[in-house]
N, C-alpha and C. Protein backbone atom coordinates (compact mmCIF):
# COMPACT_ATOMS: atom_id res chain seq x y z
N MET A 1 21.09 11.23 48.67
CA MET A 1 20.84 10.71 47.03
C MET A 1 22.20 11.36 46.56
N ASN A 2 22.83 10.49 45.80
CA ASN A 2 23.91 11.06 45.15
C ASN A 2 23.51 11.54 43.80
N LEU A 3 24.57 12.14 43.09
CA LEU A 3 24.44 12.76 41.65
C LEU A 3 23.93 11.91 40.69
N ASP A 4 24.50 10.56 40.58
CA ASP A 4 24.25 9.60 39.88
C ASP A 4 22.89 9.06 39.82
N SER A 5 22.37 8.88 41.02
CA SER A 5 20.82 8.63 41.26
C SER A 5 20.01 9.66 40.82
N THR A 6 20.34 10.94 40.94
CA THR A 6 19.52 12.15 40.51
C THR A 6 19.41 12.22 39.19
N ASN A 7 20.69 11.84 38.43
CA ASN A 7 20.62 11.95 37.01
C ASN A 7 19.59 10.83 36.50
N ARG A 8 19.74 9.65 37.16
CA ARG A 8 18.91 8.51 36.57
C ARG A 8 17.34 8.83 36.80
N TRP A 9 16.97 9.54 37.90
CA TRP A 9 15.63 9.78 38.02
C TRP A 9 15.40 10.99 37.07
N LEU A 10 16.07 11.98 36.84
CA LEU A 10 15.80 13.02 36.03
C LEU A 10 15.71 12.54 34.49
N THR A 11 16.70 11.45 34.15
CA THR A 11 16.49 10.77 32.79
C THR A 11 15.12 10.13 32.59
N LEU A 12 14.85 9.29 33.72
CA LEU A 12 13.50 8.64 33.65
C LEU A 12 12.41 9.59 33.55
N VAL A 13 12.37 10.59 34.24
CA VAL A 13 11.31 11.76 34.11
C VAL A 13 11.09 12.46 32.79
N ALA A 14 12.39 12.45 32.37
CA ALA A 14 12.52 13.08 30.79
C ALA A 14 12.08 12.05 29.67
N ASN A 15 12.21 10.86 30.03
CA ASN A 15 11.81 10.01 28.96
C ASN A 15 10.49 9.58 29.11
N ILE A 16 9.82 9.74 30.14
CA ILE A 16 8.36 9.54 30.51
C ILE A 16 7.61 10.80 29.68
N GLY A 17 8.32 11.99 30.00
CA GLY A 17 7.79 13.23 29.26
C GLY A 17 7.82 13.10 27.84
N VAL A 18 8.98 12.61 27.33
CA VAL A 18 8.99 12.39 25.74
C VAL A 18 7.90 11.47 25.47
N MET A 19 7.77 10.48 25.81
CA MET A 19 6.83 9.35 25.55
C MET A 19 5.30 9.85 25.83
N ALA A 20 4.99 10.73 26.82
CA ALA A 20 3.70 11.51 26.72
C ALA A 20 3.60 12.31 25.65
N GLY A 21 4.76 12.96 25.26
CA GLY A 21 4.51 14.01 24.15
C GLY A 21 4.23 13.28 22.87
N ILE A 22 4.82 12.15 22.67
CA ILE A 22 4.65 11.42 21.47
C ILE A 22 3.38 10.68 21.36
N ILE A 23 2.89 10.26 22.49
CA ILE A 23 1.37 9.85 22.59
C ILE A 23 0.46 10.92 22.28
N PHE A 24 0.85 12.15 22.86
CA PHE A 24 -0.04 13.26 22.69
C PHE A 24 -0.04 13.65 21.21
N PHE A 25 1.07 13.59 20.60
CA PHE A 25 1.25 13.99 19.24
C PHE A 25 0.52 13.13 18.44
N ALA A 26 0.51 11.76 18.60
CA ALA A 26 -0.12 10.82 17.86
C ALA A 26 -1.87 11.16 17.81
N PHE A 27 -2.05 11.38 19.12
CA PHE A 27 -3.60 11.65 19.07
C PHE A 27 -3.89 12.97 18.43
N GLU A 28 -3.22 14.02 18.68
CA GLU A 28 -3.34 15.27 17.85
C GLU A 28 -3.36 14.99 16.22
N LEU A 29 -2.39 14.01 15.82
CA LEU A 29 -2.33 13.91 14.31
C LEU A 29 -3.54 13.23 13.91
N ARG A 30 -4.04 12.23 14.69
CA ARG A 30 -5.18 11.48 14.33
C ARG A 30 -6.57 12.34 14.29
N GLN A 31 -6.60 13.25 15.23
CA GLN A 31 -7.69 14.27 15.31
C GLN A 31 -7.74 15.29 14.11
N ASN A 32 -6.65 15.44 13.83
CA ASN A 32 -6.27 16.57 12.61
C ASN A 32 -6.65 15.92 11.24
N THR A 33 -6.20 14.41 11.11
CA THR A 33 -6.49 13.58 9.95
C THR A 33 -8.10 13.62 9.85
N VAL A 34 -8.81 13.31 11.15
CA VAL A 34 -10.44 13.30 10.99
C VAL A 34 -10.88 14.53 10.48
N ALA A 35 -10.40 15.68 11.07
CA ALA A 35 -10.92 16.91 10.77
C ALA A 35 -10.71 17.24 9.35
N MET A 36 -9.48 16.95 8.92
CA MET A 36 -9.30 17.12 7.26
C MET A 36 -10.21 16.17 6.38
N GLN A 37 -10.34 15.09 6.95
CA GLN A 37 -11.52 14.30 6.08
C GLN A 37 -12.86 14.89 6.22
N LEU A 38 -13.20 15.29 7.24
CA LEU A 38 -14.63 16.03 7.38
C LEU A 38 -14.67 17.18 6.57
N GLU A 39 -13.54 17.97 6.51
CA GLU A 39 -13.46 19.36 5.84
C GLU A 39 -13.76 18.93 4.36
N ALA A 40 -12.99 17.87 3.90
CA ALA A 40 -12.87 17.32 2.44
C ALA A 40 -14.33 16.96 1.95
N ALA A 41 -14.94 16.21 3.00
CA ALA A 41 -16.09 15.70 2.71
C ALA A 41 -17.35 16.97 2.48
N SER A 42 -17.02 17.86 3.45
CA SER A 42 -17.89 19.04 3.20
C SER A 42 -17.82 19.82 2.12
N ASN A 43 -16.34 20.00 1.69
CA ASN A 43 -16.03 20.65 0.24
C ASN A 43 -16.62 20.00 -0.95
N TYR A 44 -16.49 18.45 -0.78
CA TYR A 44 -16.99 17.71 -1.61
C TYR A 44 -18.58 17.95 -1.99
N GLN A 45 -19.26 17.94 -1.03
CA GLN A 45 -20.67 18.13 -0.99
C GLN A 45 -20.98 19.50 -1.51
N THR A 46 -20.24 20.46 -1.04
CA THR A 46 -20.50 21.92 -1.48
C THR A 46 -20.48 21.96 -2.85
N SER A 47 -19.41 21.54 -3.44
CA SER A 47 -18.91 21.64 -4.89
C SER A 47 -20.08 20.99 -5.70
N PHE A 48 -20.53 19.82 -5.31
CA PHE A 48 -21.66 19.17 -6.05
C PHE A 48 -23.03 19.95 -5.86
N ASN A 49 -23.21 20.55 -4.76
CA ASN A 49 -24.36 21.27 -4.62
C ASN A 49 -24.69 22.33 -5.32
N GLU A 50 -23.47 23.08 -5.56
CA GLU A 50 -23.32 24.38 -6.45
C GLU A 50 -23.66 23.95 -7.93
N VAL A 51 -23.15 22.87 -8.51
CA VAL A 51 -23.56 22.49 -9.83
C VAL A 51 -24.90 22.07 -9.96
N GLU A 52 -25.39 21.25 -8.95
CA GLU A 52 -26.84 20.92 -9.04
C GLU A 52 -27.81 22.07 -8.82
N LEU A 53 -27.53 23.24 -8.02
CA LEU A 53 -28.35 24.31 -8.07
C LEU A 53 -28.25 25.11 -9.30
N LEU A 54 -27.21 25.17 -9.97
CA LEU A 54 -26.89 25.85 -11.24
C LEU A 54 -28.12 25.14 -12.23
N ILE A 55 -27.98 23.92 -12.16
CA ILE A 55 -28.80 23.19 -13.41
C ILE A 55 -30.26 23.26 -12.86
N VAL A 56 -30.53 23.14 -11.65
CA VAL A 56 -32.05 23.15 -11.12
C VAL A 56 -32.80 24.55 -11.24
N GLY A 57 -31.75 25.43 -10.84
CA GLY A 57 -32.27 26.73 -11.08
C GLY A 57 -32.27 27.63 -12.38
N ASN A 58 -31.67 26.96 -13.22
CA ASN A 58 -31.69 27.71 -14.59
C ASN A 58 -32.12 26.66 -15.79
N PRO A 59 -33.50 26.69 -16.10
CA PRO A 59 -33.90 25.94 -16.93
C PRO A 59 -33.35 25.88 -18.45
N GLU A 60 -32.72 27.17 -18.77
CA GLU A 60 -32.12 27.35 -20.03
C GLU A 60 -30.96 26.62 -20.04
N PHE A 61 -30.07 26.93 -18.82
CA PHE A 61 -28.91 25.92 -18.88
C PHE A 61 -28.95 24.45 -18.69
N ALA A 62 -30.06 23.99 -18.16
CA ALA A 62 -30.59 22.68 -18.05
C ALA A 62 -30.81 21.96 -19.48
N GLU A 63 -31.50 22.85 -20.10
CA GLU A 63 -31.60 22.47 -21.63
C GLU A 63 -30.45 22.47 -22.26
N LEU A 64 -29.55 23.34 -22.27
CA LEU A 64 -28.17 23.65 -22.86
C LEU A 64 -27.43 22.27 -22.64
N LEU A 65 -27.32 21.88 -21.18
CA LEU A 65 -26.56 20.89 -20.92
C LEU A 65 -27.31 19.48 -21.41
N ARG A 66 -28.64 19.46 -21.46
CA ARG A 66 -29.24 18.37 -22.21
C ARG A 66 -28.56 18.09 -23.62
N LYS A 67 -28.59 19.26 -24.39
CA LYS A 67 -28.12 19.08 -25.67
C LYS A 67 -26.74 18.92 -25.79
N GLY A 68 -25.95 19.08 -24.77
CA GLY A 68 -24.51 18.69 -24.77
C GLY A 68 -24.33 17.34 -24.41
N ARG A 69 -25.16 16.86 -23.50
CA ARG A 69 -25.14 15.32 -23.20
C ARG A 69 -25.54 14.61 -24.41
N ASP A 70 -26.39 14.77 -25.20
CA ASP A 70 -26.77 14.25 -26.45
C ASP A 70 -25.92 14.45 -27.71
N GLY A 71 -25.05 15.54 -27.56
CA GLY A 71 -24.08 15.64 -28.64
C GLY A 71 -24.93 16.54 -29.75
N ASP A 72 -26.10 17.33 -29.36
CA ASP A 72 -26.61 18.13 -30.32
C ASP A 72 -25.90 19.46 -30.60
N ASP A 73 -26.15 19.93 -31.71
CA ASP A 73 -25.56 21.14 -32.34
C ASP A 73 -25.84 22.24 -31.37
N VAL A 74 -25.03 23.14 -31.08
CA VAL A 74 -25.51 24.46 -30.27
C VAL A 74 -24.78 25.69 -30.80
N SER A 75 -25.14 26.57 -30.33
CA SER A 75 -24.22 27.94 -30.93
C SER A 75 -22.97 28.10 -30.50
N ALA A 76 -22.28 28.90 -30.88
CA ALA A 76 -20.72 29.27 -30.43
C ALA A 76 -20.84 29.55 -29.00
N ALA A 77 -21.82 30.67 -28.64
CA ALA A 77 -21.90 31.08 -27.30
C ALA A 77 -22.28 30.01 -26.31
N ASP A 78 -23.14 29.04 -26.70
CA ASP A 78 -23.60 27.98 -25.77
C ASP A 78 -22.50 26.93 -25.70
N GLN A 79 -21.62 26.76 -26.91
CA GLN A 79 -20.52 25.84 -26.85
C GLN A 79 -19.58 26.36 -25.85
N LEU A 80 -19.21 27.61 -25.68
CA LEU A 80 -18.36 28.27 -24.78
C LEU A 80 -18.88 27.75 -23.34
N ARG A 81 -20.18 28.16 -23.13
CA ARG A 81 -20.68 27.82 -21.81
C ARG A 81 -20.52 26.42 -21.27
N LEU A 82 -20.79 25.53 -22.21
CA LEU A 82 -20.50 24.10 -21.93
C LEU A 82 -19.22 23.78 -21.79
N ILE A 83 -18.16 24.27 -22.42
CA ILE A 83 -16.87 24.23 -22.42
C ILE A 83 -16.35 24.59 -20.90
N VAL A 84 -16.80 25.72 -20.40
CA VAL A 84 -16.60 26.12 -19.18
C VAL A 84 -17.12 25.48 -18.12
N PHE A 85 -18.34 24.92 -18.38
CA PHE A 85 -19.01 23.93 -17.36
C PHE A 85 -18.26 22.72 -17.37
N TYR A 86 -18.11 22.07 -18.35
CA TYR A 86 -17.32 20.71 -18.40
C TYR A 86 -15.89 20.95 -17.71
N ASN A 87 -15.16 22.00 -17.98
CA ASN A 87 -13.81 22.32 -17.27
C ASN A 87 -14.04 22.15 -15.90
N ASN A 88 -15.01 22.86 -15.43
CA ASN A 88 -15.21 23.05 -13.98
C ASN A 88 -15.52 21.76 -13.27
N VAL A 89 -16.48 20.78 -13.99
CA VAL A 89 -16.77 19.53 -13.52
C VAL A 89 -15.66 18.70 -13.43
N LEU A 90 -14.95 18.74 -14.72
CA LEU A 90 -13.67 17.69 -14.48
C LEU A 90 -12.57 18.26 -13.58
N ARG A 91 -12.29 19.41 -13.31
CA ARG A 91 -11.42 19.97 -12.28
C ARG A 91 -11.99 19.70 -10.88
N GLN A 92 -13.16 19.77 -10.66
CA GLN A 92 -13.60 19.31 -9.32
C GLN A 92 -13.54 17.83 -9.20
N TRP A 93 -13.65 16.93 -10.08
CA TRP A 93 -13.54 15.51 -10.04
C TRP A 93 -12.10 15.26 -9.78
N GLN A 94 -11.22 15.98 -10.53
CA GLN A 94 -9.63 15.85 -10.25
C GLN A 94 -9.36 16.13 -9.01
N PHE A 95 -9.79 17.15 -8.46
CA PHE A 95 -9.53 17.66 -7.23
C PHE A 95 -10.03 16.66 -6.07
N HIS A 96 -11.15 16.05 -6.27
CA HIS A 96 -11.69 15.02 -5.40
C HIS A 96 -10.77 13.75 -5.64
N HIS A 97 -10.28 13.40 -6.75
CA HIS A 97 -9.35 12.35 -7.07
C HIS A 97 -8.26 12.54 -6.25
N ILE A 98 -7.55 13.76 -6.13
CA ILE A 98 -6.42 14.12 -5.51
C ILE A 98 -6.67 14.13 -4.06
N GLN A 99 -7.61 14.40 -3.53
CA GLN A 99 -8.06 14.32 -2.05
C GLN A 99 -7.96 12.82 -1.69
N TYR A 100 -8.82 12.05 -2.48
CA TYR A 100 -8.66 10.52 -2.19
C TYR A 100 -7.34 9.95 -2.28
N LEU A 101 -6.50 10.22 -3.15
CA LEU A 101 -4.92 9.65 -3.15
C LEU A 101 -4.30 10.14 -2.00
N SER A 102 -4.59 11.20 -1.59
CA SER A 102 -3.80 11.71 -0.40
C SER A 102 -4.46 11.47 0.82
N ASP A 103 -5.55 10.65 0.93
CA ASP A 103 -6.18 10.12 2.18
C ASP A 103 -7.06 11.26 2.75
N ALA A 104 -7.20 12.49 2.19
CA ALA A 104 -8.20 13.19 2.66
C ALA A 104 -9.60 13.08 2.47
N LEU A 105 -9.82 12.37 1.57
CA LEU A 105 -11.36 11.90 1.21
C LEU A 105 -11.31 10.48 1.61
N SER A 106 -12.41 10.09 2.36
CA SER A 106 -12.63 8.62 2.74
C SER A 106 -12.87 7.89 1.31
N THR A 107 -12.38 6.69 1.57
CA THR A 107 -12.68 5.50 0.51
C THR A 107 -14.24 5.39 0.23
N ASP A 108 -15.12 5.54 1.20
CA ASP A 108 -16.64 5.39 1.13
C ASP A 108 -17.01 6.65 0.27
N ILE A 109 -16.63 7.70 0.51
CA ILE A 109 -17.06 8.74 -0.30
C ILE A 109 -16.43 8.70 -1.76
N TRP A 110 -15.18 8.25 -1.84
CA TRP A 110 -14.77 8.18 -3.19
C TRP A 110 -15.33 7.26 -3.95
N GLN A 111 -15.73 6.19 -3.39
CA GLN A 111 -16.22 5.03 -4.11
C GLN A 111 -17.67 5.43 -4.76
N ALA A 112 -18.49 6.29 -3.85
CA ALA A 112 -19.65 6.79 -4.30
C ALA A 112 -19.45 7.83 -5.43
N ASN A 113 -18.50 8.62 -5.30
CA ASN A 113 -17.95 9.55 -6.26
C ASN A 113 -17.71 9.06 -7.56
N ARG A 114 -16.82 7.92 -7.56
CA ARG A 114 -16.58 7.32 -8.67
C ARG A 114 -17.62 6.67 -9.44
N ALA A 115 -18.67 5.98 -8.72
CA ALA A 115 -19.83 5.55 -9.30
C ALA A 115 -20.67 6.51 -9.90
N PHE A 116 -20.79 7.68 -9.31
CA PHE A 116 -21.42 8.68 -9.86
C PHE A 116 -20.69 9.31 -11.24
N MET A 117 -19.40 9.49 -11.17
CA MET A 117 -18.80 9.79 -12.20
C MET A 117 -18.87 8.86 -13.54
N ALA A 118 -18.91 7.45 -13.05
CA ALA A 118 -19.07 6.64 -14.18
C ALA A 118 -20.51 6.70 -14.83
N ARG A 119 -21.47 6.96 -13.79
CA ARG A 119 -22.83 7.16 -14.60
C ARG A 119 -22.84 8.35 -15.44
N ILE A 120 -22.36 9.48 -14.92
CA ILE A 120 -22.30 10.55 -15.87
C ILE A 120 -21.59 10.47 -17.09
N ILE A 121 -20.38 9.92 -17.13
CA ILE A 121 -19.49 9.66 -18.23
C ILE A 121 -20.42 8.83 -19.08
N SER A 122 -21.10 7.91 -18.76
CA SER A 122 -21.68 6.74 -19.61
C SER A 122 -23.15 7.67 -20.20
N GLU A 123 -23.37 8.68 -19.58
CA GLU A 123 -24.68 9.52 -20.17
C GLU A 123 -24.33 10.70 -20.82
N ASP A 124 -22.99 11.22 -20.75
CA ASP A 124 -22.82 12.49 -21.21
C ASP A 124 -21.89 12.74 -22.25
N LEU A 125 -22.39 12.53 -23.59
CA LEU A 125 -21.30 12.50 -24.64
C LEU A 125 -20.63 13.62 -24.75
N GLY A 126 -20.99 14.93 -24.49
CA GLY A 126 -20.34 16.27 -24.48
C GLY A 126 -19.16 16.17 -23.73
N LEU A 127 -19.50 15.74 -22.19
CA LEU A 127 -18.49 15.74 -21.25
C LEU A 127 -17.37 14.80 -21.77
N VAL A 128 -17.56 13.57 -22.14
CA VAL A 128 -16.51 12.63 -22.71
C VAL A 128 -15.68 13.27 -23.89
N ASN A 129 -16.49 14.00 -24.77
CA ASN A 129 -15.75 14.65 -26.00
C ASN A 129 -14.81 15.74 -25.51
N HIS A 130 -15.38 16.38 -24.52
CA HIS A 130 -14.72 17.73 -24.05
C HIS A 130 -13.27 17.07 -23.43
N TRP A 131 -13.56 15.99 -22.55
CA TRP A 131 -12.35 15.35 -21.99
C TRP A 131 -11.29 15.08 -23.00
N GLN A 132 -11.87 14.28 -23.88
CA GLN A 132 -10.83 13.63 -25.02
C GLN A 132 -10.05 14.82 -25.61
N MET A 133 -10.77 16.01 -25.71
CA MET A 133 -9.87 17.10 -26.47
C MET A 133 -9.07 17.86 -25.58
N ASN A 134 -9.30 17.63 -24.42
CA ASN A 134 -8.58 18.47 -23.36
C ASN A 134 -7.84 17.72 -22.04
N GLU A 135 -7.65 16.56 -22.31
CA GLU A 135 -7.01 15.70 -21.40
C GLU A 135 -5.64 16.08 -20.94
N LEU A 136 -4.96 16.74 -21.63
CA LEU A 136 -3.61 17.27 -21.37
C LEU A 136 -3.61 18.39 -20.27
N GLN A 137 -4.75 18.80 -19.96
CA GLN A 137 -4.99 19.82 -18.84
C GLN A 137 -5.03 19.25 -17.43
N TYR A 138 -5.36 17.92 -17.60
CA TYR A 138 -5.47 16.99 -16.34
C TYR A 138 -4.32 16.21 -16.02
N SER A 139 -4.24 15.65 -14.60
CA SER A 139 -3.13 14.91 -14.21
C SER A 139 -3.07 13.56 -14.76
N SER A 140 -1.98 12.87 -15.02
CA SER A 140 -1.99 11.42 -15.54
C SER A 140 -2.79 10.63 -14.85
N ALA A 141 -2.75 10.87 -13.44
CA ALA A 141 -3.56 9.75 -12.79
C ALA A 141 -4.97 9.88 -12.86
N PHE A 142 -5.39 11.40 -12.99
CA PHE A 142 -6.78 11.45 -13.23
C PHE A 142 -7.28 11.04 -14.56
N ASN A 143 -6.36 11.15 -15.61
CA ASN A 143 -6.68 10.70 -16.89
C ASN A 143 -6.69 9.09 -16.86
N GLU A 144 -5.87 8.52 -16.23
CA GLU A 144 -5.87 7.11 -16.12
C GLU A 144 -7.21 6.55 -15.38
N LEU A 145 -7.81 7.33 -14.37
CA LEU A 145 -9.12 7.12 -13.86
C LEU A 145 -10.16 7.22 -14.89
N ILE A 146 -10.19 8.22 -15.81
CA ILE A 146 -11.21 8.46 -16.63
C ILE A 146 -11.25 7.47 -17.62
N GLU A 147 -10.18 7.13 -18.04
CA GLU A 147 -9.83 6.20 -19.16
C GLU A 147 -10.37 4.64 -18.72
N SER A 148 -10.17 4.47 -17.30
CA SER A 148 -10.66 3.19 -16.79
C SER A 148 -12.25 3.06 -16.91
N ILE A 149 -12.65 4.41 -16.40
CA ILE A 149 -14.17 4.41 -16.30
C ILE A 149 -14.77 4.21 -17.72
N ILE A 150 -13.97 4.96 -18.87
CA ILE A 150 -14.80 4.71 -20.10
C ILE A 150 -14.46 3.22 -20.56
N ALA A 151 -13.54 2.39 -20.35
CA ALA A 151 -13.14 1.34 -20.68
C ALA A 151 -14.18 0.36 -19.88
N GLU A 152 -14.56 0.66 -18.77
CA GLU A 152 -15.52 -0.23 -18.18
C GLU A 152 -17.05 -0.14 -18.73
N ARG A 153 -17.30 0.99 -19.21
CA ARG A 153 -18.58 1.18 -19.92
C ARG A 153 -18.77 0.49 -21.09
N GLN A 154 -17.74 0.28 -21.66
CA GLN A 154 -17.58 -0.37 -23.20
C GLN A 154 -17.93 -1.75 -23.21
């Protein structure tokens, strides 16, 4: 076997190794994407569970939230509580929107979330008023989403 033949065999083996590495990398990348989407879905569910448990576990806050939804007058301290709550909800929604735009959150979960957001926005006058007064805190993509949801309900 001459040197030229040995070099060709070594080149072939090296190329096969590179191809195997690329295939393995693609497989690992896919697995990582699935893991990232599962983690995003889990975080999504956890964030909404926390809000729901707050409302269910605290009748006083549930009544305050009802007043905010209906646009009723509340004390300054209760207004602050609503502001913090609405900020939290909108930031969570924005984060989920960012996850969706970056393909970390699946389309199915996002579509369900968007429908949920549309329902809440159509029912919660306090949340909409809060967003309108504070929209500069949120990304332009998120603001466009909220504007589209509000336009759809009109």
